[in-house]
Amino acid sequence: MISESDLMMVVLAFAIGYIDDVTGPQKYHYANGIVIVDKKYQCPIYCAVNHSHSVYFEGKSIGMVVEKSELGKRYKPPKKRKKIK
């Protein structure tokens, strides 16, 4: 039998995960790639590493910037399919 305090802990854990997913850095399609829109960290303008760059909006960052109007849809990684034997 699940106690009331255990149930509250489970609900709290799911709520924290959901809030972090909604308010944390988000991946979006941009130009020919994927960027991570993050207000706390942006890749430096000279970043040459092959990865999804952390960016923010023009005038609010000294790192890589994007135009908010040019962002595509939010990126959702493809779901993995289980192999049927």
Protein backbone atom coordinates (compact mmCIF):
# COMPACT_ATOMS: atom_id res chain seq x y z
CA MET A 1 0.00 0.00 0.00
CA ILE A 2 1.35 3.43 -0.95
CA SER A 3 1.32 5.94 1.85
CA GLU A 4 0.13 9.52 1.41
CA SER A 5 3.66 10.90 1.85
CA ASP A 6 5.03 8.55 -0.84
CA LEU A 7 2.32 9.62 -3.23
CA MET A 8 3.09 13.30 -2.56
CA MET A 9 6.80 12.66 -3.27
CA VAL A 10 5.97 11.03 -6.61
CA VAL A 11 3.66 13.90 -7.60
CA LEU A 12 6.32 16.45 -6.56
CA ALA A 13 9.01 14.67 -8.60
CA PHE A 14 6.82 14.66 -11.72
CA ALA A 15 5.92 18.33 -11.19
CA ILE A 16 9.58 19.35 -10.87
CA GLY A 17 10.47 17.41 -14.04
CA TYR A 18 7.60 18.99 -15.98
CA ILE A 19 8.45 22.54 -14.84
CA ASP A 20 12.12 22.03 -15.72
CA ASP A 21 11.15 20.74 -19.17
CA VAL A 22 8.89 23.74 -19.84
CA THR A 23 11.08 26.52 -18.41
CA GLY A 24 14.58 25.16 -19.06
CA PRO A 25 16.66 25.50 -22.24
CA GLN A 26 14.65 24.42 -25.30
CA LYS A 27 15.85 22.98 -28.63
CA TYR A 28 14.49 24.50 -31.84
CA HIS A 29 15.01 24.01 -35.56
CA TYR A 30 16.98 26.99 -36.91
CA ALA A 31 18.44 27.43 -40.40
CA ASN A 32 20.03 24.06 -41.24
CA GLY A 33 20.42 22.75 -37.72
CA ILE A 34 19.23 22.63 -34.15
CA VAL A 35 19.93 25.37 -31.58
CA ILE A 36 19.36 25.46 -27.84
CA VAL A 37 17.68 28.68 -26.71
CA ASP A 38 19.13 29.35 -23.27
CA LYS A 39 19.02 32.70 -21.50
CA LYS A 40 21.72 31.76 -18.96
CA TYR A 41 24.43 30.55 -21.38
CA GLN A 42 25.26 31.17 -25.02
CA CYS A 43 28.08 29.74 -27.09
CA PRO A 44 30.71 32.35 -27.94
CA ILE A 45 30.39 33.90 -31.41
CA TYR A 46 33.59 32.14 -32.55
CA CYS A 47 32.43 28.63 -31.45
CA ALA A 48 33.53 26.13 -34.10
CA VAL A 49 32.53 22.94 -32.27
CA ASN A 50 30.11 20.71 -34.19
CA HIS A 51 27.15 20.63 -31.77
CA SER A 52 23.77 22.23 -31.13
CA HIS A 53 24.82 25.77 -30.22
CA SER A 54 23.36 27.56 -27.21
CA VAL A 55 21.95 30.89 -28.41
CA TYR A 56 19.72 33.74 -27.30
CA PHE A 57 18.04 36.72 -28.89
CA GLU A 58 19.57 39.82 -30.50
CA GLY A 59 20.33 42.60 -28.03
CA LYS A 60 20.06 40.35 -24.98
CA SER A 61 23.27 38.38 -25.43
CA ILE A 62 26.97 38.89 -26.04
CA GLY A 63 27.26 35.32 -27.40
CA MET A 64 25.58 33.70 -30.40
CA VAL A 65 22.30 35.39 -31.27
CA VAL A 66 19.27 34.48 -33.39
CA GLU A 67 16.17 36.26 -34.56
CA LYS A 68 13.21 34.93 -32.60
CA SER A 69 11.02 35.20 -35.70
CA GLU A 70 13.35 32.82 -37.60
CA LEU A 71 13.12 29.97 -35.10
CA GLY A 72 11.37 26.90 -36.45
CA LYS A 73 9.30 24.40 -34.52
CA ARG A 74 10.50 23.05 -31.21
CA TYR A 75 12.78 20.05 -31.74
CA LYS A 76 11.59 16.73 -30.42
CA PRO A 77 14.00 13.81 -30.75
CA PRO A 78 12.64 10.84 -32.67
CA LYS A 79 11.18 8.08 -30.55
CA LYS A 80 13.12 4.83 -30.47
CA ARG A 81 11.25 1.84 -31.79
CA LYS A 82 11.69 -1.54 -30.22
CA LYS A 83 12.82 -4.28 -32.53
CA ILE A 84 10.37 -7.11 -32.94
CA LYS A 85 12.00 -10.51 -32.83
